[in-house]
Amino acid sequence: MNKKNLDKRRWVVLIAGCFINLCLGSIYVWSVFSAGMADYLTSTLGKTVTSADLAIVYTIANSVGPITMISGGWFNDKFGPRKVILTGGIMWGLGMFLSGFATSVNMLIVTYGLIGGLGLGMAYGSTISTCVKFFPDKRGLVGGITTAVYGMSSVILPPIVTVIVSKTNATTAFKIVGVVFMVLIAVSVIFLEKCPEDYTPAGFKANKAVKAQVNMNWKEMLKTPTFYVMLLLLTCGAFTGMMITSQASSVAQHMVGLSAVAASLAVSVLALFNAFGRIIAGFISDKIGRINTLFLACLLAVIGLSCLYNSGIGTVVLFYVGLSIVGISYGAFMGVYPGFTADQFGPKNNSVNYGIMFIGFAIAGYFGPQIMGTTFAKTGAYQNAFMYAIVFSIVGIVFTFIYKLIAKKNK
């Protein structure tokens, strides 16, 4: 295919990638499935099963993702995205479908947590990397759009799945949603293709840094101090978002005094600003640079966390201001890092390299919620957790300066 056709086709690839990520983002609908499955298993097993008992399923599904992001990324970089993303997408849909036959928590761990989670990681990482490779002129914006669509699933899909569950039940909903997503992903994959290594869109003039860029493999990447600075910066940046996302509703109820129904709005607000932050930060990073954008994101996190720290019963406006700012900050890191990784280590092996970099997100995803929950259990309040997060954000700011020093030294 000639260059002119590729310039048009890359937009088709981006649209297909967005459809795939919308399906993959259905992991955010777990809370809807969890409530229904808890009732079903309680009646089936003859003993009480709560949503809290099923939390381990969601944790495992998120935790195993980096494994296949890295392994699937290798196949994606070598052979192209279609087979890799199709395999991952089918595993994700199949895991949901088989969860509809689950009769125990352990079975859900296998079907949803392992089969689904491994498939999700494989398809998610390869989808983002494939789209980013086609847009060397808009890496930040495209990384922001593809990750934002994934995040927007938490707003778009829960009402739809809730209706399906209410009209049928959780097990039937799992089967229906699993089949639908397998079909949608299989159709979307048809429009994907491997980006040629030397592809640049018409009118794009690479700067000197891009022209001199070396495509590092993962071994070469791990030998650079820049990788470890970026990994720790991602951990610091994602820590706040993962911490608050895990218990946004609980914070709204216990700290601000909102009802359970009103507190559900907090989850939606956080998700919306998270998605908005991914797109706007990606766009801005193409203009002012990735590291400058991440510096601003860390600074915003400190401001947003300060608002949350000073929130209390009745301070609804201050709470939502803080929540919105934190959402933008968290989204900025998720949107900027795919392009940031490709900028630093080259686009050729970005699927694998970004999968390894994503370990920073996984670390934040484990410790953030743990610290949040432990702090509340010990003190009955969330303020100390916000202080810990402020420290992480300040450390993140320090890492942006360390990155600049290393980059200056390497010139």
Protein backbone atom coordinates (compact mmCIF):
# COMPACT_ATOMS: atom_id res chain seq x y z
CA MET A 1 0.00 0.00 0.00
CA ASN A 2 1.39 3.40 -0.98
CA LYS A 3 2.05 6.21 1.45
CA LYS A 4 -0.99 8.25 0.41
CA ASN A 5 -3.33 5.36 1.14
CA LEU A 6 -1.61 4.75 4.46
CA ASP A 7 -2.26 8.36 5.43
CA LYS A 8 -5.98 7.62 5.06
CA ARG A 9 -5.91 4.10 6.43
CA ARG A 10 -4.27 5.14 9.68
CA TRP A 11 -7.49 6.89 10.69
CA VAL A 12 -9.39 3.66 10.06
CA VAL A 13 -6.87 1.87 12.27
CA LEU A 14 -7.44 4.46 15.01
CA ILE A 15 -11.24 4.11 14.86
CA ALA A 16 -10.98 0.30 14.95
CA GLY A 17 -8.59 0.55 17.89
CA CYS A 18 -11.07 2.75 19.76
CA PHE A 19 -13.87 0.20 19.27
CA ILE A 20 -11.59 -2.54 20.59
CA ASN A 21 -10.60 -0.50 23.64
CA LEU A 22 -14.23 0.34 24.35
CA CYS A 23 -14.91 -3.40 24.59
CA LEU A 24 -11.80 -4.04 26.69
CA GLY A 25 -12.72 -1.21 29.06
CA SER A 26 -15.72 -3.28 30.12
CA ILE A 27 -13.51 -4.46 32.98
CA TYR A 28 -14.83 -1.33 34.71
CA VAL A 29 -18.31 -2.91 34.70
CA TRP A 30 -17.15 -5.52 37.20
CA SER A 31 -19.02 -3.87 40.07
CA VAL A 32 -22.32 -4.43 38.23
CA PHE A 33 -21.55 -8.08 37.58
CA SER A 34 -20.14 -8.53 41.08
CA ALA A 35 -23.34 -7.56 42.88
CA GLY A 36 -25.42 -9.94 40.76
CA MET A 37 -22.94 -12.80 41.01
CA ALA A 38 -22.75 -12.40 44.78
CA ASP A 39 -26.52 -12.96 45.01
CA TYR A 40 -26.38 -15.87 42.58
CA LEU A 41 -23.54 -17.65 44.38
CA THR A 42 -25.20 -17.06 47.75
CA SER A 43 -28.32 -18.88 46.56
CA THR A 44 -26.32 -21.59 44.75
CA LEU A 45 -23.80 -22.37 47.50
CA GLY A 46 -26.16 -21.90 50.41
CA LYS A 47 -23.79 -19.53 52.17
CA THR A 48 -23.39 -15.77 52.06
CA VAL A 49 -21.10 -14.43 49.32
CA THR A 50 -20.59 -10.67 49.15
CA SER A 51 -19.12 -8.35 46.54
CA ALA A 52 -16.13 -7.97 48.87
CA ASP A 53 -15.54 -11.73 48.63
CA LEU A 54 -15.38 -11.36 44.85
CA ALA A 55 -12.89 -8.46 44.93
CA ILE A 56 -10.02 -10.92 44.48
CA VAL A 57 -11.37 -11.75 41.00
CA TYR A 58 -11.07 -8.13 39.87
CA THR A 59 -7.65 -7.75 41.48
CA ILE A 60 -6.27 -10.78 39.63
CA ALA A 61 -7.77 -9.64 36.30
CA ASN A 62 -5.90 -6.34 36.63
CA SER A 63 -2.69 -7.82 38.01
CA VAL A 64 -1.98 -10.42 35.30
CA GLY A 65 -2.33 -7.92 32.45
CA PRO A 66 1.34 -6.86 32.23
CA ILE A 67 2.36 -10.49 31.61
CA THR A 68 0.57 -10.66 28.27
CA MET A 69 1.15 -7.00 27.48
CA ILE A 70 4.83 -7.89 27.28
CA SER A 71 4.58 -11.31 25.60
CA GLY A 72 1.76 -10.25 23.26
CA GLY A 73 3.63 -7.05 22.54
CA TRP A 74 6.58 -9.05 21.23
CA PHE A 75 4.37 -10.86 18.72
CA ASN A 76 2.68 -7.60 17.78
CA ASP A 77 5.98 -5.87 17.05
CA LYS A 78 7.23 -8.82 15.00
CA PHE A 79 4.16 -10.02 13.11
CA GLY A 80 1.54 -7.29 13.33
CA PRO A 81 -1.56 -6.70 15.43
CA ARG A 82 -4.38 -8.77 13.92
CA LYS A 83 -3.69 -12.23 15.33
CA VAL A 84 -2.42 -10.92 18.65
CA ILE A 85 -5.36 -8.61 19.34
CA LEU A 86 -7.86 -11.16 18.00
CA THR A 87 -6.44 -13.79 20.37
CA GLY A 88 -6.51 -11.40 23.32
CA GLY A 89 -9.99 -10.15 22.46
CA ILE A 90 -11.40 -13.66 22.18
CA MET A 91 -9.81 -14.57 25.52
CA TRP A 92 -11.40 -11.51 27.13
CA GLY A 93 -14.84 -12.24 25.69
CA LEU A 94 -14.51 -15.95 26.36
CA GLY A 95 -13.52 -15.30 29.95
CA MET A 96 -16.69 -13.27 30.43
CA PHE A 97 -18.82 -15.88 28.64
CA LEU A 98 -17.45 -18.73 30.77
CA SER A 99 -18.01 -16.63 33.89
CA GLY A 100 -21.70 -17.04 33.13
CA PHE A 101 -21.30 -20.72 34.04
CA ALA A 102 -19.35 -20.08 37.26
CA THR A 103 -20.59 -21.79 40.40
CA SER A 104 -17.85 -20.66 42.78
CA VAL A 105 -15.44 -17.82 43.47
CA ASN A 106 -12.51 -20.00 42.38
CA MET A 107 -14.14 -20.64 39.03
CA LEU A 108 -14.59 -16.88 38.53
CA ILE A 109 -10.91 -16.41 39.34
CA VAL A 110 -10.03 -18.80 36.51
CA THR A 111 -12.55 -17.56 33.93
CA TYR A 112 -12.68 -13.82 34.53
CA GLY A 113 -9.47 -13.25 36.48
CA LEU A 114 -7.01 -15.41 34.53
CA ILE A 115 -8.46 -16.13 31.08
CA GLY A 116 -10.10 -12.72 30.77
CA GLY A 117 -7.33 -10.76 32.48
CA LEU A 118 -4.55 -12.30 30.38
CA GLY A 119 -6.55 -11.66 27.22
CA LEU A 120 -7.24 -8.08 28.24
CA GLY A 121 -3.56 -7.30 28.77
CA MET A 122 -2.59 -8.83 25.43
CA ALA A 123 -5.18 -6.89 23.42
CA TYR A 124 -4.97 -3.57 25.30
CA GLY A 125 -1.24 -3.03 25.02
CA SER A 126 -1.06 -4.06 21.37
CA THR A 127 -4.04 -1.92 20.39
CA ILE A 128 -2.55 1.26 21.85
CA SER A 129 0.91 0.59 20.45
CA THR A 130 -0.46 -0.14 16.96
CA CYS A 131 -2.38 3.13 16.85
CA VAL A 132 0.51 5.19 18.23
CA LYS A 133 2.93 3.81 15.60
CA PHE A 134 0.75 5.20 12.81
CA PHE A 135 0.87 8.72 14.27
CA PRO A 136 4.46 9.85 14.82
CA ASP A 137 3.13 13.40 14.36
CA LYS A 138 0.41 13.02 17.02
CA ARG A 139 1.65 10.36 19.43
CA GLY A 140 0.45 12.17 22.52
CA LEU A 141 -3.03 12.91 21.17
CA VAL A 142 -3.56 9.40 19.79
CA GLY A 143 -2.28 7.78 22.98
CA GLY A 144 -4.70 10.01 24.87
CA ILE A 145 -7.67 9.16 22.64
CA THR A 146 -7.16 5.39 22.70
CA THR A 147 -6.68 5.25 26.47
CA ALA A 148 -9.56 7.71 27.01
CA VAL A 149 -11.99 5.46 25.14
CA TYR A 150 -10.88 2.59 27.38
CA GLY A 151 -11.57 4.76 30.43
CA MET A 152 -14.91 6.03 29.08
CA SER A 153 -16.20 2.47 29.20
CA SER A 154 -16.72 3.07 32.90
CA VAL A 155 -19.32 5.71 31.99
CA ILE A 156 -20.89 4.23 28.85
CA LEU A 157 -21.19 0.53 29.63
CA PRO A 158 -22.43 0.23 33.27
CA PRO A 159 -25.98 1.52 32.51
CA ILE A 160 -26.27 -0.87 29.54
CA VAL A 161 -25.04 -3.89 31.50
CA THR A 162 -27.22 -2.91 34.47
CA VAL A 163 -30.31 -3.10 32.23
CA ILE A 164 -29.26 -6.52 30.89
CA VAL A 165 -28.68 -7.82 34.44
CA SER A 166 -32.04 -6.46 35.64
CA LYS A 167 -33.90 -7.98 32.67
CA THR A 168 -32.14 -11.35 32.98
CA ASN A 169 -29.52 -12.08 35.66
CA ALA A 170 -25.76 -11.76 36.14
CA THR A 171 -24.90 -15.15 34.62
CA THR A 172 -26.91 -14.50 31.47
CA ALA A 173 -25.49 -10.99 31.22
CA PHE A 174 -21.96 -12.41 31.33
CA LYS A 175 -22.78 -14.72 28.41
CA ILE A 176 -24.46 -12.03 26.32
CA VAL A 177 -21.78 -9.39 26.87
CA GLY A 178 -18.97 -11.91 26.30
CA VAL A 179 -20.34 -13.01 22.92
CA VAL A 180 -21.08 -9.44 21.79
CA PHE A 181 -17.57 -8.28 22.62
CA MET A 182 -15.95 -11.24 20.90
CA VAL A 183 -17.88 -10.41 17.72
CA LEU A 184 -17.15 -6.65 17.91
CA ILE A 185 -13.43 -7.20 18.47
CA ALA A 186 -13.22 -9.83 15.70
CA VAL A 187 -14.83 -7.40 13.22
CA SER A 188 -12.68 -4.45 14.35
CA VAL A 189 -9.45 -6.45 14.00
CA ILE A 190 -10.11 -6.77 10.25
CA PHE A 191 -9.34 -3.06 9.87
CA LEU A 192 -5.99 -3.22 11.67
CA GLU A 193 -2.61 -3.65 10.02
CA LYS A 194 1.07 -3.48 10.86
CA CYS A 195 2.64 -0.05 10.50
CA PRO A 196 5.73 0.02 8.22
CA GLU A 197 8.88 0.83 10.17
CA ASP A 198 9.78 3.80 7.98
CA TYR A 199 6.28 5.28 7.77
CA THR A 200 5.82 9.03 8.19
CA PRO A 201 2.64 10.87 7.17
CA ALA A 202 2.68 13.44 4.37
CA GLY A 203 3.81 16.87 5.53
CA PHE A 204 5.38 15.58 8.74
CA LYS A 205 8.88 16.85 9.29
CA ALA A 206 10.63 14.95 12.05
CA ASN A 207 12.85 17.03 14.29
CA LYS A 208 16.49 16.17 14.79
CA ALA A 209 15.78 14.14 17.93
CA VAL A 210 13.28 11.95 16.09
CA LYS A 211 15.55 11.52 13.07
CA ALA A 212 18.42 10.41 15.31
CA GLN A 213 16.18 8.13 17.37
CA VAL A 214 17.38 4.60 18.04
CA ASN A 215 14.83 1.80 18.24
CA MET A 216 15.81 0.01 21.44
CA ASN A 217 14.64 -3.48 22.33
CA TRP A 218 13.63 -4.25 25.89
CA LYS A 219 17.11 -5.38 26.92
CA GLU A 220 18.66 -2.16 25.70
CA MET A 221 15.91 -0.15 27.34
CA LEU A 222 16.53 -1.77 30.72
CA LYS A 223 20.18 -0.72 30.56
CA THR A 224 19.29 2.98 30.47
CA PRO A 225 18.80 5.04 33.65
CA THR A 226 16.02 6.89 31.83
CA PHE A 227 13.80 3.79 31.94
CA TYR A 228 13.92 3.56 35.73
CA VAL A 229 13.22 7.25 36.15
CA MET A 230 10.22 6.94 33.82
CA LEU A 231 8.99 3.80 35.59
CA LEU A 232 9.13 5.46 39.01
CA LEU A 233 7.55 8.64 37.65
CA LEU A 234 4.65 6.58 36.25
CA THR A 235 4.25 4.83 39.61
CA CYS A 236 4.08 8.18 41.40
CA GLY A 237 1.65 9.62 38.87
CA ALA A 238 -0.68 6.62 38.80
CA PHE A 239 -0.62 6.14 42.59
CA THR A 240 -3.11 8.95 43.32
CA GLY A 241 -5.55 7.92 40.62
CA MET A 242 -5.53 4.23 41.49
CA MET A 243 -5.86 5.01 45.19
CA ILE A 244 -8.93 7.23 44.83
CA THR A 245 -10.58 5.31 41.98
CA SER A 246 -10.69 2.22 44.15
CA GLN A 247 -12.82 3.93 46.83
CA ALA A 248 -14.30 7.10 45.33
CA SER A 249 -17.84 6.22 46.40
CA SER A 250 -16.77 5.35 49.93
CA VAL A 251 -14.81 8.61 50.26
CA ALA A 252 -17.85 10.60 49.13
CA GLN A 253 -20.06 8.88 51.70
CA HIS A 254 -17.79 8.79 54.74
CA MET A 255 -15.87 12.01 54.29
CA VAL A 256 -18.39 14.36 52.67
CA GLY A 257 -21.60 12.75 53.93
CA LEU A 258 -23.22 11.98 50.57
CA SER A 259 -25.83 9.25 50.22
CA ALA A 260 -24.95 6.05 48.36
CA VAL A 261 -26.92 7.22 45.32
CA ALA A 262 -25.30 10.67 45.31
CA ALA A 263 -21.88 9.13 45.87
CA SER A 264 -22.23 7.13 42.67
CA LEU A 265 -21.95 10.47 40.85
CA ALA A 266 -18.46 10.85 42.27
CA VAL A 267 -17.38 7.71 40.40
CA SER A 268 -18.78 9.08 37.13
CA VAL A 269 -17.18 12.51 37.65
CA LEU A 270 -13.79 10.93 38.30
CA ALA A 271 -14.15 8.75 35.19
CA LEU A 272 -15.18 11.67 32.98
CA PHE A 273 -12.32 13.93 34.03
CA ASN A 274 -9.94 10.98 33.82
CA ALA A 275 -10.94 10.50 30.16
CA PHE A 276 -10.81 14.24 29.50
CA GLY A 277 -7.33 14.41 31.04
CA ARG A 278 -6.04 11.67 28.74
CA ILE A 279 -7.08 13.49 25.59
CA ILE A 280 -6.16 17.04 26.57
CA ALA A 281 -2.82 16.04 28.09
CA GLY A 282 -1.97 13.98 25.04
CA PHE A 283 -2.71 16.96 22.81
CA ILE A 284 -0.75 19.38 25.01
CA SER A 285 2.23 17.01 25.24
CA ASP A 286 2.57 17.15 21.45
CA LYS A 287 2.97 20.93 21.83
CA ILE A 288 5.04 21.48 24.99
CA GLY A 289 6.69 18.09 25.42
CA ARG A 290 5.83 14.94 27.40
CA ILE A 291 7.91 15.66 30.50
CA ASN A 292 6.61 19.22 30.85
CA THR A 293 3.06 17.89 30.65
CA LEU A 294 3.78 15.27 33.32
CA PHE A 295 5.31 17.95 35.55
CA LEU A 296 2.05 19.90 35.30
CA ALA A 297 0.09 16.70 36.00
CA CYS A 298 2.02 16.11 39.23
CA LEU A 299 1.46 19.73 40.23
CA LEU A 300 -2.26 19.39 39.56
CA ALA A 301 -2.33 16.24 41.69
CA VAL A 302 -0.90 18.17 44.66
CA ILE A 303 -3.58 20.86 44.24
CA GLY A 304 -6.40 18.35 43.83
CA LEU A 305 -5.26 16.25 46.80
CA SER A 306 -5.02 19.38 48.94
CA CYS A 307 -8.67 20.11 48.13
CA LEU A 308 -9.63 16.57 49.11
CA TYR A 309 -7.55 16.75 52.30
CA ASN A 310 -9.47 19.85 53.37
CA SER A 311 -12.86 18.40 52.47
CA GLY A 312 -15.32 17.34 55.14
CA ILE A 313 -19.00 16.91 55.85
CA GLY A 314 -20.95 19.30 53.62
CA THR A 315 -17.99 20.56 51.54
CA VAL A 316 -19.45 19.08 48.36
CA VAL A 317 -18.10 21.71 45.95
CA LEU A 318 -14.54 21.52 47.30
CA PHE A 319 -14.70 17.73 47.14
CA TYR A 320 -15.78 17.67 43.51
CA VAL A 321 -13.18 20.29 42.55
CA GLY A 322 -10.46 18.13 44.10
CA LEU A 323 -11.85 14.96 42.54
CA SER A 324 -11.99 16.54 39.07
CA ILE A 325 -8.42 17.84 39.28
CA VAL A 326 -7.14 14.46 40.45
CA GLY A 327 -9.01 12.81 37.57
CA ILE A 328 -7.31 15.08 35.02
CA SER A 329 -3.89 14.43 36.57
CA TYR A 330 -4.34 10.65 36.57
CA GLY A 331 -5.65 10.69 33.02
CA ALA A 332 -2.65 12.73 31.89
CA PHE A 333 -0.24 9.97 32.88
CA MET A 334 -2.32 7.26 31.22
CA GLY A 335 -2.64 9.27 28.02
CA VAL A 336 0.92 10.54 27.70
CA TYR A 337 2.94 7.43 28.55
CA PRO A 338 2.35 5.33 25.39
CA GLY A 339 3.75 8.14 23.23
CA PHE A 340 6.38 9.05 25.82
CA THR A 341 7.74 5.50 25.75
CA ALA A 342 7.80 5.46 21.94
CA ASP A 343 9.56 8.84 21.87
CA GLN A 344 12.25 7.72 24.26
CA PHE A 345 12.97 4.18 23.10
CA GLY A 346 11.64 4.15 19.52
CA PRO A 347 8.35 2.94 18.00
CA LYS A 348 9.64 -0.35 16.55
CA ASN A 349 9.51 -2.32 19.83
CA ASN A 350 7.04 -0.11 21.64
CA SER A 351 4.50 -2.86 22.31
CA VAL A 352 7.00 -4.76 24.46
CA ASN A 353 8.66 -1.67 25.90
CA TYR A 354 5.36 -0.08 26.93
CA GLY A 355 4.23 -3.39 28.41
CA ILE A 356 7.31 -3.40 30.65
CA MET A 357 6.84 0.28 31.48
CA PHE A 358 3.24 -0.54 32.46
CA ILE A 359 4.62 -2.42 35.46
CA GLY A 360 4.82 1.01 37.11
CA PHE A 361 1.04 1.28 36.74
CA ALA A 362 0.59 -2.22 38.19
CA ILE A 363 2.71 -1.30 41.23
CA ALA A 364 0.59 1.80 41.80
CA GLY A 365 -2.55 -0.29 41.28
CA TYR A 366 -1.55 -2.59 44.11
CA PHE A 367 -0.16 -0.19 46.71
CA GLY A 368 -2.53 2.74 46.12
CA PRO A 369 -5.77 0.94 47.07
CA GLN A 370 -3.98 -0.99 49.84
CA ILE A 371 -2.73 2.19 51.51
CA MET A 372 -6.12 3.85 51.10
CA GLY A 373 -7.98 0.93 52.68
CA THR A 374 -5.45 0.39 55.48
CA THR A 375 -5.42 4.08 56.40
CA PHE A 376 -9.21 4.22 56.68
CA ALA A 377 -9.33 0.97 58.67
CA LYS A 378 -6.81 2.32 61.21
CA THR A 379 -7.97 5.92 61.54
CA GLY A 380 -11.56 5.95 60.30
CA ALA A 381 -10.61 8.80 57.93
CA TYR A 382 -8.94 9.28 54.56
CA GLN A 383 -6.92 12.45 55.22
CA ASN A 384 -3.64 10.65 55.96
CA ALA A 385 -3.94 8.71 52.70
CA PHE A 386 -4.24 12.00 50.81
CA MET A 387 -1.08 13.22 52.52
CA TYR A 388 0.78 10.08 51.42
CA ALA A 389 -0.42 10.71 47.87
CA ILE A 390 0.76 14.33 48.02
CA VAL A 391 4.22 13.07 48.96
CA PHE A 392 4.18 10.68 45.99
CA SER A 393 3.18 13.54 43.68
CA ILE A 394 5.99 15.75 44.98
CA VAL A 395 8.44 12.89 44.45
CA GLY A 396 7.01 12.66 40.92
CA ILE A 397 7.87 16.33 40.37
CA VAL A 398 11.43 15.58 41.48
CA PHE A 399 11.63 12.73 38.95
CA THR A 400 10.63 15.11 36.12
CA PHE A 401 13.70 17.20 36.94
CA ILE A 402 15.90 14.11 37.17
CA TYR A 403 14.64 13.05 33.75
CA LYS A 404 15.55 16.46 32.30
CA LEU A 405 19.06 16.24 33.79
CA ILE A 406 19.62 12.80 32.25
CA ALA A 407 18.20 13.92 28.90
CA LYS A 408 20.48 16.98 28.92
CA LYS A 409 23.48 14.81 29.74
CA ASN A 410 22.67 12.40 26.90
CA LYS A 411 22.49 15.13 24.25
